[in-house]
Amino acid sequence: MFEMLFGIGCETKILEACDWNEERAVEVSEFLSSAIKKSQAKSPSDMIIFLENSLSEIATDREIVALTEIIKESIDNIYFLLMNDTSYEN
């Protein structure tokens, strides 16, 4: 459940940064995914610096801020994002 809510929050943040342009939001999300895959960062701060540098040519300042916030929130919540709590009882 946490992952779903977190994902919705991230999508909303990207859409807001892209002025609710869904096509642009998809492009920005793909840029982020691509940059993460290319990163050789050894620490969270290195990852953020790499992403900001990678995205500076293809994303607006507002989009970069949103993506950076998403990465920071992901790092801060990594424990909850990695949990695979699919089995629970009512």
Protein backbone atom coordinates (compact mmCIF):
# COMPACT_ATOMS: atom_id res chain seq x y z
CA MET A 1 0.00 0.00 0.00
CA PHE A 2 2.82 2.41 0.89
CA GLU A 3 4.43 1.82 -2.51
CA MET A 4 1.18 2.61 -4.30
CA LEU A 5 0.61 5.83 -2.36
CA PHE A 6 4.24 6.83 -2.80
CA GLY A 7 4.00 6.17 -6.55
CA ILE A 8 0.85 8.25 -6.88
CA GLY A 9 2.54 11.09 -5.01
CA CYS A 10 5.54 10.92 -7.34
CA GLU A 11 3.37 10.92 -10.44
CA THR A 12 1.44 13.92 -9.17
CA LYS A 13 4.64 15.80 -8.35
CA ILE A 14 5.98 15.18 -11.87
CA LEU A 15 2.68 16.18 -13.48
CA GLU A 16 2.61 19.42 -11.48
CA ALA A 17 6.20 20.20 -12.52
CA CYS A 18 5.20 19.59 -16.14
CA ASP A 19 2.13 21.86 -15.87
CA TRP A 20 -0.13 18.80 -16.05
CA ASN A 21 1.12 17.88 -19.53
CA GLU A 22 0.92 14.08 -19.46
CA GLU A 23 3.16 13.58 -22.49
CA ARG A 24 5.87 15.73 -20.95
CA ALA A 25 5.49 13.92 -17.62
CA VAL A 26 6.13 10.60 -19.37
CA GLU A 27 9.22 12.06 -21.07
CA VAL A 28 10.54 13.43 -17.78
CA SER A 29 9.92 10.10 -16.03
CA GLU A 30 11.78 8.29 -18.79
CA PHE A 31 14.68 10.77 -18.51
CA LEU A 32 14.84 10.04 -14.79
CA SER A 33 14.80 6.26 -15.28
CA SER A 34 17.49 6.47 -17.94
CA ALA A 35 19.70 8.71 -15.80
CA ILE A 36 19.34 6.40 -12.80
CA LYS A 37 20.38 3.40 -14.91
CA LYS A 38 23.46 5.28 -16.19
CA SER A 39 24.50 6.51 -12.75
CA GLN A 40 27.56 5.06 -11.09
CA ALA A 41 26.90 7.04 -7.91
CA LYS A 42 28.34 5.69 -4.70
CA SER A 43 26.19 7.75 -2.33
CA PRO A 44 22.77 9.42 -2.29
CA SER A 45 24.33 12.87 -2.62
CA ASP A 46 26.40 11.69 -5.62
CA MET A 47 23.22 10.32 -7.18
CA ILE A 48 21.41 13.64 -6.79
CA ILE A 49 24.34 15.61 -8.23
CA PHE A 50 24.57 13.20 -11.16
CA LEU A 51 20.84 13.46 -11.84
CA GLU A 52 20.83 17.25 -11.65
CA ASN A 53 23.74 17.41 -14.11
CA SER A 54 22.25 14.79 -16.44
CA LEU A 55 18.84 16.38 -16.53
CA SER A 56 19.94 20.01 -16.78
CA GLU A 57 20.03 19.92 -20.58
CA ILE A 58 16.67 18.23 -21.08
CA ALA A 59 14.50 19.30 -18.16
CA THR A 60 13.35 22.62 -16.78
CA ASP A 61 14.49 23.83 -13.37
CA ARG A 62 11.03 23.11 -12.00
CA GLU A 63 11.14 19.54 -13.33
CA ILE A 64 14.62 18.99 -11.91
CA VAL A 65 13.49 20.19 -8.48
CA ALA A 66 10.55 17.77 -8.55
CA LEU A 67 12.74 14.85 -9.66
CA THR A 68 15.35 15.65 -7.04
CA GLU A 69 12.65 15.72 -4.36
CA ILE A 70 11.39 12.35 -5.55
CA ILE A 71 14.88 10.84 -5.36
CA LYS A 72 15.44 12.28 -1.86
CA GLU A 73 12.07 10.96 -0.70
CA SER A 74 12.84 7.56 -2.21
CA ILE A 75 16.16 7.44 -0.38
CA ASP A 76 14.52 8.54 2.87
CA ASN A 77 11.84 5.85 2.49
CA ILE A 78 13.96 3.07 1.00
CA TYR A 79 13.09 0.64 3.81
CA PHE A 80 9.37 0.95 3.15
CA LEU A 81 9.80 0.85 -0.62
CA LEU A 82 11.82 -2.38 -0.43
CA MET A 83 9.41 -4.13 1.89
CA ASN A 84 7.37 -6.74 0.12
CA ASP A 85 4.42 -6.95 2.47
CA THR A 86 1.95 -8.75 0.27
CA SER A 87 0.78 -11.20 2.92
CA TYR A 88 -1.20 -9.86 5.83
CA GLU A 89 -4.26 -10.98 7.75
CA ASN A 90 -7.42 -9.06 8.50
